[in-house]
Amino acid sequence: MIKTNIDKSAKPEVPLIILGVLKGYLDDADDFMKKTMESRKKIVKKISQENPQFSAEFINIVSMVAALYSELKNDMESEKALSLVKASFLPVGLAMQMGNFRYVEDKHTFENLINYQQRTNKEGPTQLNRMEIIEQNNKNYEFHVHNCMFKDEFSRLGMPELTTVMCAIDNVVFNAYLPDKVHFHRSGIGNTIIEGRQHCIFICTNMD
């Protein structure tokens, strides 16, 4: 029997997904993952001590991405390491967000996309982000996020470039929920905090 429901979202096993991807790129993926998990413990401790108000889910995400990136940079140039982090974590982000959006448990509709996005904003790892709804109807859903917890924390860890991993997950998730009916965009390029704008733009357009 399926163990999830509308009020109990799926929580995928993140290290296993990452390991599965890494096995396609690294000869020593198992040993590498063990080192990454040890590095992650130190980052978890650091973030938890400095920011006790952060949710465990947020800390787990940030620490996993940061540890993975740090360990990869020991063996390869930064650009390649960042690409491998994205390749490894995009399927993780997709699995996590599809759980948040109740992809298995509820119908895929534009209305549900909006409802579960808003619920995730209130209950999920980035609940301390300030979200402003600009437009919401049966054709368009636009919201702006005025602070980015991921950018702030990755910057404190000295790795602001990792914010782009989370932006890429947004792009994949919103366009995968109803791929033939909903188009997600940001009203052009450069419309995110990491790219210098004061807020991130999110626009979902119902093409149905």
C-alpha atoms as a PDB file:
ATOM      1  CA  MET A   1       0.000   0.000   0.000  1.00  0.00           C
ATOM      2  CA  ILE A   2       1.141   3.543  -0.682  1.00  0.00           C
ATOM      3  CA  LYS A   3       2.200   5.184   2.593  1.00  0.00           C
ATOM      4  CA  THR A   4       1.729   8.820   1.560  1.00  0.00           C
ATOM      5  CA  ASN A   5      -1.384  10.964   1.326  1.00  0.00           C
ATOM      6  CA  ILE A   6      -2.379  14.599   0.803  1.00  0.00           C
ATOM      7  CA  ASP A   7      -1.372  15.523   4.341  1.00  0.00           C
ATOM      8  CA  LYS A   8       1.732  13.355   4.422  1.00  0.00           C
ATOM      9  CA  SER A   9       4.023  14.071   1.488  1.00  0.00           C
ATOM     10  CA  ALA A  10       6.636  11.664   0.140  1.00  0.00           C
ATOM     11  CA  LYS A  11      10.205  12.087   1.423  1.00  0.00           C
ATOM     12  CA  PRO A  12      12.666  10.473  -1.011  1.00  0.00           C
ATOM     13  CA  GLU A  13      15.949   8.978   0.159  1.00  0.00           C
ATOM     14  CA  VAL A  14      18.276  11.732  -1.027  1.00  0.00           C
ATOM     15  CA  PRO A  15      21.716  10.054  -0.650  1.00  0.00           C
ATOM     16  CA  LEU A  16      20.557   7.006  -2.604  1.00  0.00           C
ATOM     17  CA  ILE A  17      19.384   9.136  -5.531  1.00  0.00           C
ATOM     18  CA  ILE A  18      22.641  11.084  -5.573  1.00  0.00           C
ATOM     19  CA  LEU A  19      24.707   7.899  -5.361  1.00  0.00           C
ATOM     20  CA  GLY A  20      22.803   6.422  -8.282  1.00  0.00           C
ATOM     21  CA  VAL A  21      23.679   9.416 -10.449  1.00  0.00           C
ATOM     22  CA  LEU A  22      27.305   9.569  -9.292  1.00  0.00           C
ATOM     23  CA  LYS A  23      27.828   5.939 -10.287  1.00  0.00           C
ATOM     24  CA  GLY A  24      27.384   7.088 -13.865  1.00  0.00           C
ATOM     25  CA  TYR A  25      30.237   9.603 -13.537  1.00  0.00           C
ATOM     26  CA  LEU A  26      32.700   8.418 -10.880  1.00  0.00           C
ATOM     27  CA  ASP A  27      34.669   5.187 -10.658  1.00  0.00           C
ATOM     28  CA  ASP A  28      34.723   5.319  -6.857  1.00  0.00           C
ATOM     29  CA  ALA A  29      31.193   6.597  -6.262  1.00  0.00           C
ATOM     30  CA  ASP A  30      30.596   4.530  -3.105  1.00  0.00           C
ATOM     31  CA  ASP A  31      33.755   5.729  -1.351  1.00  0.00           C
ATOM     32  CA  PHE A  32      33.168   9.259  -2.552  1.00  0.00           C
ATOM     33  CA  MET A  33      29.648   9.249  -1.124  1.00  0.00           C
ATOM     34  CA  LYS A  34      30.954   8.097   2.253  1.00  0.00           C
ATOM     35  CA  LYS A  35      33.364  11.055   2.351  1.00  0.00           C
ATOM     36  CA  THR A  36      30.580  13.404   1.331  1.00  0.00           C
ATOM     37  CA  MET A  37      28.309  12.195   4.113  1.00  0.00           C
ATOM     38  CA  GLU A  38      31.100  12.739   6.669  1.00  0.00           C
ATOM     39  CA  SER A  39      31.657  16.278   5.379  1.00  0.00           C
ATOM     40  CA  ARG A  40      27.950  16.878   5.532  1.00  0.00           C
ATOM     41  CA  LYS A  41      27.865  16.226   9.293  1.00  0.00           C
ATOM     42  CA  LYS A  42      30.235  19.142   9.898  1.00  0.00           C
ATOM     43  CA  ILE A  43      28.155  21.486   7.754  1.00  0.00           C
ATOM     44  CA  VAL A  44      24.937  20.416   9.487  1.00  0.00           C
ATOM     45  CA  LYS A  45      26.518  21.195  12.863  1.00  0.00           C
ATOM     46  CA  LYS A  46      27.741  24.597  11.688  1.00  0.00           C
ATOM     47  CA  ILE A  47      24.388  25.683  10.222  1.00  0.00           C
ATOM     48  CA  SER A  48      22.387  24.330  13.179  1.00  0.00           C
ATOM     49  CA  GLN A  49      24.507  26.202  15.695  1.00  0.00           C
ATOM     50  CA  GLU A  50      24.465  29.468  13.769  1.00  0.00           C
ATOM     51  CA  ASN A  51      20.803  29.332  12.711  1.00  0.00           C
ATOM     52  CA  PRO A  52      18.669  27.312  15.142  1.00  0.00           C
ATOM     53  CA  GLN A  53      15.526  28.787  13.537  1.00  0.00           C
ATOM     54  CA  PHE A  54      16.136  26.897  10.289  1.00  0.00           C
ATOM     55  CA  SER A  55      14.065  23.782   9.634  1.00  0.00           C
ATOM     56  CA  ALA A  56      15.788  20.397   9.589  1.00  0.00           C
ATOM     57  CA  GLU A  57      14.670  19.900   5.984  1.00  0.00           C
ATOM     58  CA  PHE A  58      16.327  23.126   4.850  1.00  0.00           C
ATOM     59  CA  ILE A  59      19.546  22.302   6.689  1.00  0.00           C
ATOM     60  CA  ASN A  60      19.595  18.808   5.189  1.00  0.00           C
ATOM     61  CA  ILE A  61      19.251  20.160   1.651  1.00  0.00           C
ATOM     62  CA  VAL A  62      21.885  22.876   2.005  1.00  0.00           C
ATOM     63  CA  SER A  63      24.377  20.616   3.763  1.00  0.00           C
ATOM     64  CA  MET A  64      24.000  17.870   1.173  1.00  0.00           C
ATOM     65  CA  VAL A  65      24.556  20.200  -1.776  1.00  0.00           C
ATOM     66  CA  ALA A  66      27.440  22.022  -0.083  1.00  0.00           C
ATOM     67  CA  ALA A  67      29.213  18.835   1.007  1.00  0.00           C
ATOM     68  CA  LEU A  68      28.852  17.278  -2.432  1.00  0.00           C
ATOM     69  CA  TYR A  69      30.273  20.381  -4.102  1.00  0.00           C
ATOM     70  CA  SER A  70      33.159  20.698  -1.640  1.00  0.00           C
ATOM     71  CA  GLU A  71      34.239  17.095  -2.098  1.00  0.00           C
ATOM     72  CA  LEU A  72      33.956  17.253  -5.893  1.00  0.00           C
ATOM     73  CA  LYS A  73      36.125  20.366  -6.019  1.00  0.00           C
ATOM     74  CA  ASN A  74      38.921  18.387  -4.385  1.00  0.00           C
ATOM     75  CA  ASP A  75      39.132  16.263  -7.530  1.00  0.00           C
ATOM     76  CA  MET A  76      38.079  18.552 -10.389  1.00  0.00           C
ATOM     77  CA  GLU A  77      37.727  22.169 -11.470  1.00  0.00           C
ATOM     78  CA  SER A  78      34.875  24.196 -10.004  1.00  0.00           C
ATOM     79  CA  GLU A  79      32.866  24.460 -13.220  1.00  0.00           C
ATOM     80  CA  LYS A  80      32.818  20.713 -13.733  1.00  0.00           C
ATOM     81  CA  ALA A  81      32.046  20.138 -10.046  1.00  0.00           C
ATOM     82  CA  LEU A  82      29.060  22.501 -10.233  1.00  0.00           C
ATOM     83  CA  SER A  83      27.763  20.716 -13.320  1.00  0.00           C
ATOM     84  CA  LEU A  84      28.011  17.362 -11.560  1.00  0.00           C
ATOM     85  CA  VAL A  85      26.201  18.750  -8.506  1.00  0.00           C
ATOM     86  CA  LYS A  86      23.376  19.874 -10.782  1.00  0.00           C
ATOM     87  CA  ALA A  87      23.270  16.508 -12.550  1.00  0.00           C
ATOM     88  CA  SER A  88      23.115  14.753  -9.175  1.00  0.00           C
ATOM     89  CA  PHE A  89      20.700  17.034  -7.369  1.00  0.00           C
ATOM     90  CA  LEU A  90      18.164  17.860 -10.081  1.00  0.00           C
ATOM     91  CA  PRO A  91      16.528  14.412  -9.814  1.00  0.00           C
ATOM     92  CA  VAL A  92      16.570  14.817  -6.023  1.00  0.00           C
ATOM     93  CA  GLY A  93      14.862  18.199  -6.227  1.00  0.00           C
ATOM     94  CA  LEU A  94      12.314  16.885  -8.694  1.00  0.00           C
ATOM     95  CA  ALA A  95      11.469  13.922  -6.444  1.00  0.00           C
ATOM     96  CA  MET A  96      11.200  16.146  -3.362  1.00  0.00           C
ATOM     97  CA  GLN A  97       9.026  18.763  -5.015  1.00  0.00           C
ATOM     98  CA  MET A  98       6.769  16.232  -6.692  1.00  0.00           C
ATOM     99  CA  GLY A  99       6.199  14.896  -3.202  1.00  0.00           C
ATOM    100  CA  ASN A 100       5.405  18.407  -1.981  1.00  0.00           C
ATOM    101  CA  PHE A 101       3.013  18.927  -4.903  1.00  0.00           C
ATOM    102  CA  ARG A 102       1.320  15.564  -4.195  1.00  0.00           C
ATOM    103  CA  TYR A 103       2.069  14.382  -7.712  1.00  0.00           C
ATOM    104  CA  VAL A 104       1.002  10.808  -6.890  1.00  0.00           C
ATOM    105  CA  GLU A 105      -1.676  11.546  -4.314  1.00  0.00           C
ATOM    106  CA  ASP A 106      -3.830  14.140  -6.097  1.00  0.00           C
ATOM    107  CA  LYS A 107      -5.008  15.176  -9.566  1.00  0.00           C
ATOM    108  CA  HIS A 108      -2.684  17.211 -11.755  1.00  0.00           C
ATOM    109  CA  THR A 109      -4.529  20.480 -12.284  1.00  0.00           C
ATOM    110  CA  PHE A 110      -3.521  24.112 -12.521  1.00  0.00           C
ATOM    111  CA  GLU A 111      -5.505  24.785  -9.362  1.00  0.00           C
ATOM    112  CA  ASN A 112      -3.676  22.048  -7.457  1.00  0.00           C
ATOM    113  CA  LEU A 113      -0.321  23.325  -8.700  1.00  0.00           C
ATOM    114  CA  ILE A 114      -1.123  26.681  -7.120  1.00  0.00           C
ATOM    115  CA  ASN A 115      -2.580  25.201  -3.938  1.00  0.00           C
ATOM    116  CA  TYR A 116       0.358  22.902  -3.234  1.00  0.00           C
ATOM    117  CA  GLN A 117       2.947  25.532  -4.144  1.00  0.00           C
ATOM    118  CA  GLN A 118       1.408  27.831  -1.575  1.00  0.00           C
ATOM    119  CA  ARG A 119       1.210  25.045   0.980  1.00  0.00           C
ATOM    120  CA  THR A 120       4.857  24.188   0.392  1.00  0.00           C
ATOM    121  CA  ASN A 121       5.799  27.820   0.862  1.00  0.00           C
ATOM    122  CA  LYS A 122       4.120  27.768   4.283  1.00  0.00           C
ATOM    123  CA  GLU A 123       5.274  24.327   5.428  1.00  0.00           C
ATOM    124  CA  GLY A 124       8.364  23.504   3.374  1.00  0.00           C
ATOM    125  CA  PRO A 125      12.091  24.116   3.791  1.00  0.00           C
ATOM    126  CA  THR A 126      11.963  27.737   2.596  1.00  0.00           C
ATOM    127  CA  GLN A 127       9.045  28.832   4.764  1.00  0.00           C
ATOM    128  CA  LEU A 128      11.109  31.814   5.946  1.00  0.00           C
ATOM    129  CA  ASN A 129      11.155  33.217   2.402  1.00  0.00           C
ATOM    130  CA  ARG A 130       8.747  36.118   1.879  1.00  0.00           C
ATOM    131  CA  MET A 131       6.430  35.368  -1.043  1.00  0.00           C
ATOM    132  CA  GLU A 132       4.137  37.937  -2.681  1.00  0.00           C
ATOM    133  CA  ILE A 133       1.307  36.829  -4.989  1.00  0.00           C
ATOM    134  CA  ILE A 134       1.070  39.215  -7.946  1.00  0.00           C
ATOM    135  CA  GLU A 135      -1.642  37.500  -9.988  1.00  0.00           C
ATOM    136  CA  GLN A 136      -3.734  34.392  -9.443  1.00  0.00           C
ATOM    137  CA  ASN A 137      -6.547  33.244 -11.732  1.00  0.00           C
ATOM    138  CA  ASN A 138      -7.357  30.274 -13.970  1.00  0.00           C
ATOM    139  CA  LYS A 139      -4.846  31.423 -16.619  1.00  0.00           C
ATOM    140  CA  ASN A 140      -1.925  33.000 -14.810  1.00  0.00           C
ATOM    141  CA  TYR A 141      -0.191  32.520 -11.507  1.00  0.00           C
ATOM    142  CA  GLU A 142       2.623  34.938 -10.750  1.00  0.00           C
ATOM    143  CA  PHE A 143       4.435  35.313  -7.479  1.00  0.00           C
ATOM    144  CA  HIS A 144       7.627  37.021  -6.373  1.00  0.00           C
ATOM    145  CA  VAL A 145      10.037  35.822  -3.705  1.00  0.00           C
ATOM    146  CA  HIS A 146      11.744  38.725  -1.943  1.00  0.00           C
ATOM    147  CA  ASN A 147      14.502  36.849  -0.172  1.00  0.00           C
ATOM    148  CA  CYS A 148      16.313  33.618  -0.956  1.00  0.00           C
ATOM    149  CA  MET A 149      17.304  31.459   1.995  1.00  0.00           C
ATOM    150  CA  PHE A 150      19.408  29.273  -0.267  1.00  0.00           C
ATOM    151  CA  LYS A 151      21.430  32.189  -1.622  1.00  0.00           C
ATOM    152  CA  ASP A 152      21.917  33.592   1.869  1.00  0.00           C
ATOM    153  CA  GLU A 153      23.125  30.308   3.346  1.00  0.00           C
ATOM    154  CA  PHE A 154      25.245  29.215   0.390  1.00  0.00           C
ATOM    155  CA  SER A 155      26.858  32.660   0.460  1.00  0.00           C
ATOM    156  CA  ARG A 156      27.643  32.303   4.170  1.00  0.00           C
ATOM    157  CA  LEU A 157      29.308  28.996   3.325  1.00  0.00           C
ATOM    158  CA  GLY A 158      31.362  30.697   0.604  1.00  0.00           C
ATOM    159  CA  MET A 159      29.541  28.957  -2.266  1.00  0.00           C
ATOM    160  CA  PRO A 160      26.923  31.404  -3.651  1.00  0.00           C
ATOM    161  CA  GLU A 161      27.091  29.722  -7.057  1.00  0.00           C
ATOM    162  CA  LEU A 162      25.229  26.730  -5.601  1.00  0.00           C
ATOM    163  CA  THR A 163      22.067  28.862  -5.599  1.00  0.00           C
ATOM    164  CA  THR A 164      21.789  28.161  -9.332  1.00  0.00           C
ATOM    165  CA  VAL A 165      21.207  24.491  -8.498  1.00  0.00           C
ATOM    166  CA  MET A 166      18.014  25.405  -6.675  1.00  0.00           C
ATOM    167  CA  CYS A 167      16.917  27.762  -9.484  1.00  0.00           C
ATOM    168  CA  ALA A 168      17.346  24.917 -11.963  1.00  0.00           C
ATOM    169  CA  ILE A 169      15.152  22.684  -9.798  1.00  0.00           C
ATOM    170  CA  ASP A 170      12.369  25.303  -9.904  1.00  0.00           C
ATOM    171  CA  ASN A 171      12.584  25.371 -13.693  1.00  0.00           C
ATOM    172  CA  VAL A 172      12.322  21.584 -13.946  1.00  0.00           C
ATOM    173  CA  VAL A 173       9.579  21.103 -11.359  1.00  0.00           C
ATOM    174  CA  PHE A 174       7.120  23.714 -12.572  1.00  0.00           C
ATOM    175  CA  ASN A 175       7.511  22.665 -16.203  1.00  0.00           C
ATOM    176  CA  ALA A 176       7.202  18.950 -15.366  1.00  0.00           C
ATOM    177  CA  TYR A 177       3.990  19.106 -13.334  1.00  0.00           C
ATOM    178  CA  LEU A 178       1.696  19.601 -16.357  1.00  0.00           C
ATOM    179  CA  PRO A 179       4.205  19.738 -19.230  1.00  0.00           C
ATOM    180  CA  ASP A 180       1.656  20.016 -22.059  1.00  0.00           C
ATOM    181  CA  LYS A 181      -0.593  22.529 -20.316  1.00  0.00           C
ATOM    182  CA  VAL A 182       1.470  24.755 -18.016  1.00  0.00           C
ATOM    183  CA  HIS A 183       4.386  26.939 -19.097  1.00  0.00           C
ATOM    184  CA  PHE A 184       6.723  28.206 -16.391  1.00  0.00           C
ATOM    185  CA  HIS A 185       8.981  31.201 -16.985  1.00  0.00           C
ATOM    186  CA  ARG A 186      10.482  34.235 -15.274  1.00  0.00           C
ATOM    187  CA  SER A 187       9.456  36.936 -17.755  1.00  0.00           C
ATOM    188  CA  GLY A 188      12.892  36.988 -19.362  1.00  0.00           C
ATOM    189  CA  ILE A 189      16.453  36.385 -18.264  1.00  0.00           C
ATOM    190  CA  GLY A 190      18.104  37.838 -15.179  1.00  0.00           C
ATOM    191  CA  ASN A 191      14.956  37.866 -13.075  1.00  0.00           C
ATOM    192  CA  THR A 192      16.302  36.100  -9.998  1.00  0.00           C
ATOM    193  CA  ILE A 193      18.029  37.327  -6.859  1.00  0.00           C
ATOM    194  CA  ILE A 194      21.222  35.430  -7.650  1.00  0.00           C
ATOM    195  CA  GLU A 195      21.380  37.322 -10.961  1.00  0.00           C
ATOM    196  CA  GLY A 196      21.106  40.681  -9.248  1.00  0.00           C
ATOM    197  CA  ARG A 197      17.385  41.400  -9.129  1.00  0.00           C
ATOM    198  CA  GLN A 198      15.783  42.367  -5.803  1.00  0.00           C
ATOM    199  CA  HIS A 199      13.301  39.484  -6.062  1.00  0.00           C
ATOM    200  CA  CYS A 200      12.812  36.241  -7.978  1.00  0.00           C
ATOM    201  CA  ILE A 201       9.950  36.103 -10.482  1.00  0.00           C
ATOM    202  CA  PHE A 202       7.854  32.966 -10.887  1.00  0.00           C
ATOM    203  CA  ILE A 203       5.150  32.817 -13.572  1.00  0.00           C
ATOM    204  CA  CYS A 204       3.006  29.798 -14.425  1.00  0.00           C
ATOM    205  CA  THR A 205       0.742  30.192 -17.456  1.00  0.00           C
ATOM    206  CA  ASN A 206      -2.123  27.764 -18.051  1.00  0.00           C
ATOM    207  CA  MET A 207      -2.112  26.959 -21.789  1.00  0.00           C
ATOM    208  CA  ASP A 208      -5.210  24.734 -21.590  1.00  0.00           C
END
